[in-house]
C-alpha cells in the first residue's frame, strides 16, 4: 500500500531548550527532540471503518520536556475502537484522529523533565489513550504505566480494556465467595473468557451462554478447558424452567450481559432472588426486556458498567495495580484468550476480520 507523507494529526508543538547544569550554573542549549516519522491509521471523518481509515506516513513531532516517545510494539482492534471511528461511541477524539485506544510499546526517548521512565522500558497507556495505531506515539509521562518486559506482548497490548473490565465487574457489584455462581452471555468474547478464568481462581462457578452457530461444540469445549462449569447455546435454554438444567450449581447471584435482547432475558431467568445483572455491551443492538414479575417477585437489580467511568485520576493507581495483577496471571499461564498477531502493514486485512467479514475470528492484534 502506498504511503502518503503528511504532517502529524497532532498539532506540531513549539521547540524547547534542554538545560544542562555545570559548575558555573545552569546553561541552556538548543536541542529539539523529535519522534521519528510514523506510519499511522487515521480517519478524517466518521463512518464505516473500512471506508474511512487510511494507512499513511506522518512526520515526527516534538518531544516536550514532560513527554515520552514510545515505539509501539502491538495494539489490538477492539469493538470500541470501531465504534469511535463510526462516531457512535460516547467518547471520541477530535478529527482527524489516529485509531486505537490501547497497546504496548517501548520507550524510545524522554523529555528532560521525565522522572520515572527511561529508554527501553515497556509501557502501556493507563488509562487507555487514543492514537495507538501508529509506529511511534508521543504523550506525557503521566499517560504511561511501566510494566514488566517479561509480559507476553499480545497480553500486554490487550490487558487494559477487556481483562480489566472482567476483573472490575466481578469485584464491583456483588460480594462473591468461593462456591458462589455467576451467569453470563457472550461467553466466547475476551471479557467472557476472562470472567470464567478469574472466577475459577476464586472458586466461583460459571454458567455460560453462547450463540447457536457453526462451531458451537468446539466453542463449548474451549470454554470448558478454561474452567467453565456449564455452557449452553441459546436454543438449549428454550425450556419451561431454565433452572432445571442446573445440577449441583447454586443459583447465580450475579449475571453479565453484553448481548441484549433474548440473550439478556436468559441471563435474568437464571438469577436467584435479589440477583443483579450487569450490562456492559449490546452486540445484538436489541433492547433488554424485563418482566414485571422479575422486579416484583424476584427483586432483581439491573446495573450498567462502563470502564471509562473508572478511568478518572483518583482511580488510576487502583487500576494500574489490577493491571499488574492481571499481567502476572498471564505470565503464569493462568489467564489466556485467543488472539491473532497481524503485521501492521496488513491492517486492512485485520480490520476485515475484526468487522466479521471473514467469519468468526480471534481478537486481531496489530504487531508493529
Protein backbone atom coordinates (compact mmCIF):
# COMPACT_ATOMS: atom_id res chain seq x y z
CA UNK A 1 0.00 0.00 0.00
CA UNK A 2 1.39 3.38 -0.98
CA UNK A 3 2.09 5.66 1.95
CA UNK A 4 1.32 9.37 1.90
CA UNK A 5 3.54 11.78 3.81
CA UNK A 6 1.54 14.34 5.79
CA UNK A 7 2.15 16.49 8.81
CA UNK A 8 1.16 14.92 12.09
CA UNK A 9 -2.51 14.68 13.07
CA UNK A 10 -1.40 16.24 16.34
CA UNK A 11 -0.63 19.94 16.36
CA UNK A 12 3.09 20.44 15.80
CA UNK A 13 4.29 21.93 19.02
CA UNK A 14 6.92 24.62 19.51
CA UNK A 15 10.56 23.87 20.33
CA UNK A 16 12.12 23.84 23.76
CA UNK A 17 15.51 24.15 25.42
CA UNK A 18 17.03 21.37 27.46
CA UNK A 19 19.03 22.54 30.44
CA UNK A 20 22.49 21.35 31.33
CA UNK A 21 23.90 22.02 34.78
CA UNK A 22 27.59 22.75 35.10
CA UNK A 23 29.86 24.07 37.82
CA UNK A 24 29.08 27.59 36.67
CA UNK A 25 25.30 27.13 36.96
CA UNK A 26 22.51 26.19 34.53
CA UNK A 27 23.30 26.55 30.83
CA UNK A 28 20.63 26.31 28.15
CA UNK A 29 21.34 24.87 24.74
CA UNK A 30 19.05 24.31 21.78
CA UNK A 31 18.22 20.63 21.38
CA UNK A 32 14.92 19.97 19.70
CA UNK A 33 13.99 16.35 20.35
CA UNK A 34 11.52 14.88 17.88
CA UNK A 35 10.00 11.49 17.27
CA UNK A 36 10.85 9.53 14.13
CA UNK A 37 8.39 9.64 11.20
CA UNK A 38 5.45 7.35 11.95
CA UNK A 39 3.13 5.13 9.95
CA UNK A 40 -0.41 5.52 11.28
CA UNK A 41 -4.02 4.53 10.67
CA UNK A 42 -6.00 7.77 10.50
CA UNK A 43 -9.56 8.82 9.79
CA UNK A 44 -10.74 12.33 8.92
CA UNK A 45 -14.48 11.69 9.20
CA UNK A 46 -16.75 9.23 10.95
CA UNK A 47 -18.21 6.33 9.03
CA UNK A 48 -17.66 2.64 8.21
CA UNK A 49 -14.14 1.81 9.44
CA UNK A 50 -13.20 0.01 6.23
CA UNK A 51 -14.21 3.07 4.21
CA UNK A 52 -12.80 5.98 6.24
CA UNK A 53 -9.44 4.68 7.54
CA UNK A 54 -6.16 5.16 5.72
CA UNK A 55 -2.63 3.94 6.41
CA UNK A 56 -0.37 6.96 5.99
CA UNK A 57 3.05 8.23 6.96
CA UNK A 58 3.33 11.23 9.30
CA UNK A 59 6.20 13.49 10.15
CA UNK A 60 7.76 13.30 13.59
CA UNK A 61 6.53 15.57 16.37
CA UNK A 62 8.36 17.37 19.12
CA UNK A 63 9.03 15.50 22.37
CA UNK A 64 8.50 18.18 25.01
CA UNK A 65 10.11 18.15 28.44
CA UNK A 66 7.37 16.05 30.11
CA UNK A 67 6.79 13.84 27.07
CA UNK A 68 7.75 10.26 26.33
CA UNK A 69 8.23 8.95 22.79
CA UNK A 70 7.14 5.33 22.55
CA UNK A 71 7.83 2.86 19.77
CA UNK A 72 4.67 0.80 19.62
CA UNK A 73 5.07 -2.97 19.74
CA UNK A 74 1.46 -4.16 19.48
CA UNK A 75 -2.10 -2.81 19.64
CA UNK A 76 -5.48 -4.58 19.30
CA UNK A 77 -8.55 -3.76 17.24
CA UNK A 78 -11.36 -3.57 19.80
CA UNK A 79 -15.09 -3.14 19.11
CA UNK A 80 -14.94 0.20 20.94
CA UNK A 81 -12.20 1.32 18.52
CA UNK A 82 -14.55 0.64 15.63
CA UNK A 83 -17.40 2.45 17.41
CA UNK A 84 -15.21 5.53 17.80
CA UNK A 85 -14.43 5.52 14.09
CA UNK A 86 -18.12 5.09 13.30
CA UNK A 87 -18.88 8.07 15.53
CA UNK A 88 -21.27 6.21 17.83
CA UNK A 89 -19.07 5.88 20.94
CA UNK A 90 -19.79 8.44 23.68
CA UNK A 91 -16.12 9.48 24.00
CA UNK A 92 -14.31 10.24 20.74
CA UNK A 93 -11.08 12.04 19.87
CA UNK A 94 -11.33 15.16 17.71
CA UNK A 95 -10.91 14.70 13.98
CA UNK A 96 -8.68 13.97 12.21
CA UNK A 97 -7.62 11.18 14.54
CA UNK A 98 -5.31 8.19 14.79
CA UNK A 99 -7.19 5.00 15.69
CA UNK A 100 -6.56 2.63 18.56
CA UNK A 101 -7.04 3.02 22.30
CA UNK A 102 -4.73 0.50 23.98
CA UNK A 103 -1.44 -1.20 23.26
CA UNK A 104 2.11 -1.74 24.45
CA UNK A 105 5.30 -0.03 23.42
CA UNK A 106 8.95 0.51 24.26
CA UNK A 107 10.23 3.89 25.39
CA UNK A 108 12.45 5.37 22.68
CA UNK A 109 13.25 8.78 24.19
CA UNK A 110 12.14 11.01 27.04
CA UNK A 111 11.89 14.73 27.69
CA UNK A 112 14.21 16.48 30.14
CA UNK A 113 11.62 16.57 32.96
CA UNK A 114 10.63 12.90 32.79
CA UNK A 115 11.46 11.24 36.11
CA UNK A 116 10.27 7.65 36.18
CA UNK A 117 10.70 6.25 32.66
CA UNK A 118 13.83 5.50 30.63
CA UNK A 119 14.56 4.34 27.09
CA UNK A 120 13.99 0.60 26.83
CA UNK A 121 11.14 0.46 29.37
CA UNK A 122 7.92 -1.25 28.31
CA UNK A 123 4.83 0.85 28.84
CA UNK A 124 1.09 0.78 28.29
CA UNK A 125 -1.34 3.72 28.29
CA UNK A 126 -3.25 3.63 31.57
CA UNK A 127 -5.92 4.89 31.43
CA UNK A 128 -6.22 3.90 27.77
CA UNK A 129 -5.47 6.75 25.40
CA UNK A 130 -6.30 7.43 21.76
CA UNK A 131 -3.78 7.19 18.94
CA UNK A 132 -2.22 3.75 19.49
CA UNK A 133 -2.38 2.62 15.85
CA UNK A 134 0.91 4.19 14.84
CA UNK A 135 4.53 3.11 14.90
CA UNK A 136 5.63 5.96 17.20
CA UNK A 137 3.49 7.99 19.58
CA UNK A 138 4.33 10.89 21.89
CA UNK A 139 2.38 11.51 25.09
CA UNK A 140 3.06 12.93 28.54
CA UNK A 141 4.75 10.68 31.10
CA UNK A 142 1.56 10.57 33.22
CA UNK A 143 -0.21 8.62 30.46
CA UNK A 144 2.22 5.69 30.58
CA UNK A 145 2.41 2.82 33.04
CA UNK A 146 5.63 0.84 33.19
CA UNK A 147 5.18 -2.95 33.03
CA UNK A 148 7.43 -6.00 33.24
CA UNK A 149 9.24 -6.79 29.99
CA UNK A 150 8.59 -10.47 30.76
CA UNK A 151 4.94 -9.92 29.84
CA UNK A 152 3.79 -11.63 26.61
CA UNK A 153 3.47 -8.78 24.13
CA UNK A 154 -0.02 -9.70 22.94
CA UNK A 155 -1.34 -9.78 26.52
CA UNK A 156 0.40 -6.55 27.44
CA UNK A 157 -1.27 -4.94 24.41
CA UNK A 158 -4.76 -6.08 25.37
CA UNK A 159 -4.81 -6.05 29.18
CA UNK A 160 -6.24 -2.58 29.89
CA UNK A 161 -9.72 -2.93 28.38
CA UNK A 162 -11.22 -6.43 28.34
CA UNK A 163 -9.42 -8.25 31.19
CA UNK A 164 -9.67 -5.18 33.45
CA UNK A 165 -13.40 -4.98 32.65
CA UNK A 166 -13.79 -8.63 33.70
CA UNK A 167 -11.93 -8.16 36.97
CA UNK A 168 -13.77 -4.98 37.93
CA UNK A 169 -17.21 -6.42 37.18
CA UNK A 170 -16.50 -9.46 39.34
CA UNK A 171 -15.45 -7.19 42.23
CA UNK A 172 -17.57 -4.05 41.99
CA UNK A 173 -21.22 -5.14 42.17
CA UNK A 174 -21.84 -8.18 44.38
CA UNK A 175 -19.73 -9.73 47.12
CA UNK A 176 -18.94 -13.20 45.82
CA UNK A 177 -17.49 -16.03 47.88
CA UNK A 178 -15.97 -19.35 46.95
CA UNK A 179 -18.78 -21.70 45.95
CA UNK A 180 -21.00 -18.93 44.55
CA UNK A 181 -22.05 -18.84 40.91
CA UNK A 182 -22.27 -16.30 38.08
CA UNK A 183 -24.05 -16.47 34.70
CA UNK A 184 -23.11 -14.66 31.51
CA UNK A 185 -23.91 -14.42 27.82
CA UNK A 186 -21.29 -13.60 25.19
CA UNK A 187 -19.08 -16.15 26.90
CA UNK A 188 -16.73 -16.61 23.94
CA UNK A 189 -15.75 -12.92 23.99
CA UNK A 190 -12.44 -11.92 25.58
CA UNK A 191 -14.32 -10.47 28.55
CA UNK A 192 -16.32 -13.69 28.84
CA UNK A 193 -13.23 -15.88 28.71
CA UNK A 194 -11.53 -13.76 31.36
CA UNK A 195 -14.59 -13.87 33.63
CA UNK A 196 -14.56 -17.68 33.53
CA UNK A 197 -10.88 -17.88 34.48
CA UNK A 198 -10.88 -15.13 37.10
CA UNK A 199 -13.98 -16.62 38.71
CA UNK A 200 -12.48 -20.09 38.75
CA UNK A 201 -9.34 -18.79 40.51
CA UNK A 202 -11.64 -17.61 43.33
CA UNK A 203 -13.63 -20.84 43.44
CA UNK A 204 -16.67 -19.24 41.79
CA UNK A 205 -18.71 -21.32 39.35
CA UNK A 206 -19.83 -20.06 35.95
CA UNK A 207 -22.83 -20.72 33.71
CA UNK A 208 -22.18 -19.58 30.18
CA UNK A 209 -24.49 -18.83 27.24
CA UNK A 210 -23.29 -18.78 23.63
CA UNK A 211 -24.99 -18.24 20.28
CA UNK A 212 -26.22 -21.06 18.08
CA UNK A 213 -23.77 -21.12 15.20
CA UNK A 214 -21.36 -23.35 13.34
CA UNK A 215 -18.57 -24.40 15.65
CA UNK A 216 -20.60 -24.13 18.85
CA UNK A 217 -19.47 -27.57 20.01
CA UNK A 218 -15.84 -26.52 19.66
CA UNK A 219 -16.62 -23.28 21.49
CA UNK A 220 -18.14 -25.25 24.36
CA UNK A 221 -15.03 -27.41 24.63
CA UNK A 222 -12.78 -24.34 24.61
CA UNK A 223 -14.74 -22.68 27.42
CA UNK A 224 -14.75 -25.88 29.46
CA UNK A 225 -10.96 -26.03 29.15
CA UNK A 226 -10.80 -22.51 30.57
CA UNK A 227 -12.82 -23.62 33.58
CA UNK A 228 -16.49 -23.11 32.64
CA UNK A 229 -18.85 -25.29 34.68
CA UNK A 230 -21.77 -25.19 32.23
CA UNK A 231 -22.05 -23.94 28.65
CA UNK A 232 -25.41 -23.71 26.86
CA UNK A 233 -26.42 -22.49 23.45
CA UNK A 234 -29.42 -20.16 23.43
CA UNK A 235 -31.62 -22.85 21.83
CA UNK A 236 -30.84 -25.28 24.65
CA UNK A 237 -32.40 -22.81 27.06
CA UNK A 238 -35.79 -22.79 25.35
CA UNK A 239 -37.33 -24.79 28.20
CA UNK A 240 -40.13 -24.08 30.64
CA UNK A 241 -37.97 -23.98 33.76
CA UNK A 242 -34.44 -22.98 32.94
CA UNK A 243 -33.17 -23.77 36.42
CA UNK A 244 -33.95 -27.46 35.94
CA UNK A 245 -30.79 -27.51 33.84
CA UNK A 246 -28.69 -26.76 36.91
CA UNK A 247 -27.49 -29.86 38.68
CA UNK A 248 -25.09 -29.21 41.53
CA UNK A 249 -24.68 -25.48 40.98
CA UNK A 250 -26.27 -22.79 43.15
CA UNK A 251 -28.49 -20.15 41.61
CA UNK A 252 -26.31 -17.29 40.37
CA UNK A 253 -26.16 -14.09 42.38
CA UNK A 254 -24.59 -12.12 39.54
CA UNK A 255 -25.08 -12.07 35.78
CA UNK A 256 -23.28 -10.33 32.93
CA UNK A 257 -24.91 -9.23 29.69
CA UNK A 258 -23.12 -7.96 26.59
CA UNK A 259 -25.72 -9.02 24.01
CA UNK A 260 -29.17 -7.72 24.93
CA UNK A 261 -32.46 -8.97 23.53
CA UNK A 262 -33.49 -12.55 24.26
CA UNK A 263 -29.99 -13.45 25.41
CA UNK A 264 -30.26 -10.92 28.25
CA UNK A 265 -33.62 -12.41 29.24
CA UNK A 266 -31.96 -15.82 29.54
CA UNK A 267 -29.38 -14.39 31.95
CA UNK A 268 -32.20 -12.92 34.07
CA UNK A 269 -34.02 -16.27 34.22
CA UNK A 270 -31.02 -17.89 35.87
CA UNK A 271 -30.59 -15.29 38.61
CA UNK A 272 -31.60 -16.05 42.16
CA UNK A 273 -33.92 -13.83 44.21
CA UNK A 274 -32.23 -10.48 44.74
CA UNK A 275 -29.72 -11.15 41.98
CA UNK A 276 -28.03 -8.49 39.86
CA UNK A 277 -27.47 -8.35 36.10
CA UNK A 278 -24.69 -6.05 34.87
CA UNK A 279 -24.84 -4.90 31.25
CA UNK A 280 -21.59 -3.87 29.60
CA UNK A 281 -22.45 -4.21 25.91
CA UNK A 282 -25.26 -4.66 23.41
CA UNK A 283 -23.97 -6.67 20.48
CA UNK A 284 -27.42 -7.64 19.21
CA UNK A 285 -28.49 -3.96 19.25
CA UNK A 286 -31.77 -5.14 20.77
CA UNK A 287 -33.25 -3.73 24.00
CA UNK A 288 -33.36 -5.53 27.31
CA UNK A 289 -36.90 -6.59 28.21
CA UNK A 290 -37.64 -7.41 31.84
CA UNK A 291 -40.89 -8.93 33.05
CA UNK A 292 -42.81 -7.17 35.80
CA UNK A 293 -42.65 -10.32 37.93
CA UNK A 294 -38.84 -10.29 37.78
CA UNK A 295 -38.84 -6.95 39.56
CA UNK A 296 -41.71 -7.60 41.97
CA UNK A 297 -41.25 -11.23 42.95
CA UNK A 298 -37.54 -11.78 42.31
CA UNK A 299 -36.37 -8.29 43.31
CA UNK A 300 -33.75 -8.28 40.55
CA UNK A 301 -31.40 -5.35 40.03
CA UNK A 302 -30.16 -4.09 36.68
CA UNK A 303 -26.84 -2.24 36.55
CA UNK A 304 -24.56 -0.89 33.87
CA UNK A 305 -20.78 -0.95 33.57
CA UNK A 306 -18.59 1.42 31.56
CA UNK A 307 -14.85 1.14 32.09
CA UNK A 308 -14.36 4.76 31.06
CA UNK A 309 -16.07 5.94 34.25
CA UNK A 310 -13.40 4.22 36.33
CA UNK A 311 -10.53 5.86 34.49
CA UNK A 312 -10.57 9.20 36.30
CA UNK A 313 -7.36 10.34 38.03
CA UNK A 314 -8.32 9.15 41.52
CA UNK A 315 -8.74 5.59 40.22
CA UNK A 316 -5.51 5.38 38.19
CA UNK A 317 -3.33 3.72 40.84
CA UNK A 318 -6.03 1.19 41.71
CA UNK A 319 -6.48 0.28 38.05
CA UNK A 320 -2.74 0.02 37.48
CA UNK A 321 -2.38 -2.37 40.43
CA UNK A 322 -5.14 -4.50 38.93
CA UNK A 323 -3.38 -4.46 35.55
CA UNK A 324 -0.14 -5.63 37.16
CA UNK A 325 -2.08 -8.48 38.82
CA UNK A 326 -3.67 -9.48 35.50
CA UNK A 327 -0.32 -9.42 33.69
CA UNK A 328 1.14 -11.60 36.44
CA UNK A 329 -1.65 -14.12 35.82
CA UNK A 330 -0.93 -14.01 32.08
CA UNK A 331 2.79 -14.63 32.64
CA UNK A 332 1.92 -17.60 34.86
CA UNK A 333 -0.43 -19.04 32.23
CA UNK A 334 -3.47 -18.56 34.46
CA UNK A 335 -5.17 -16.09 32.13
CA UNK A 336 -5.48 -16.98 28.46
CA UNK A 337 -7.54 -15.89 25.49
CA UNK A 338 -7.30 -16.41 21.78
CA UNK A 339 -5.63 -13.72 19.68
CA UNK A 340 -4.06 -13.41 16.24
CA UNK A 341 -0.99 -11.23 15.71
CA UNK A 342 -1.10 -9.45 12.37
CA UNK A 343 1.51 -7.22 10.76
CA UNK A 344 0.63 -3.53 10.97
CA UNK A 345 1.14 -3.29 7.21
CA UNK A 346 -1.76 -5.76 6.84
CA UNK A 347 -4.07 -3.51 8.84
CA UNK A 348 -6.99 -3.67 6.42
CA UNK A 349 -6.94 -7.49 6.41
CA UNK A 350 -7.04 -7.45 10.21
CA UNK A 351 -9.81 -4.83 10.06
CA UNK A 352 -11.92 -7.04 7.79
CA UNK A 353 -11.54 -9.87 10.29
CA UNK A 354 -12.43 -7.60 13.21
CA UNK A 355 -15.53 -6.44 11.32
CA UNK A 356 -16.67 -10.05 10.88
CA UNK A 357 -16.33 -10.06 7.10
CA UNK A 358 -14.37 -13.32 7.20
CA UNK A 359 -16.48 -15.16 9.75
CA UNK A 360 -15.66 -15.73 13.40
CA UNK A 361 -12.06 -14.72 14.06
CA UNK A 362 -9.80 -14.36 17.12
CA UNK A 363 -9.03 -10.94 18.56
CA UNK A 364 -6.89 -9.09 16.00
CA UNK A 365 -3.70 -7.63 17.44
CA UNK A 366 -1.53 -5.41 15.24
CA UNK A 367 2.20 -6.10 15.52
CA UNK A 368 4.49 -3.20 14.64
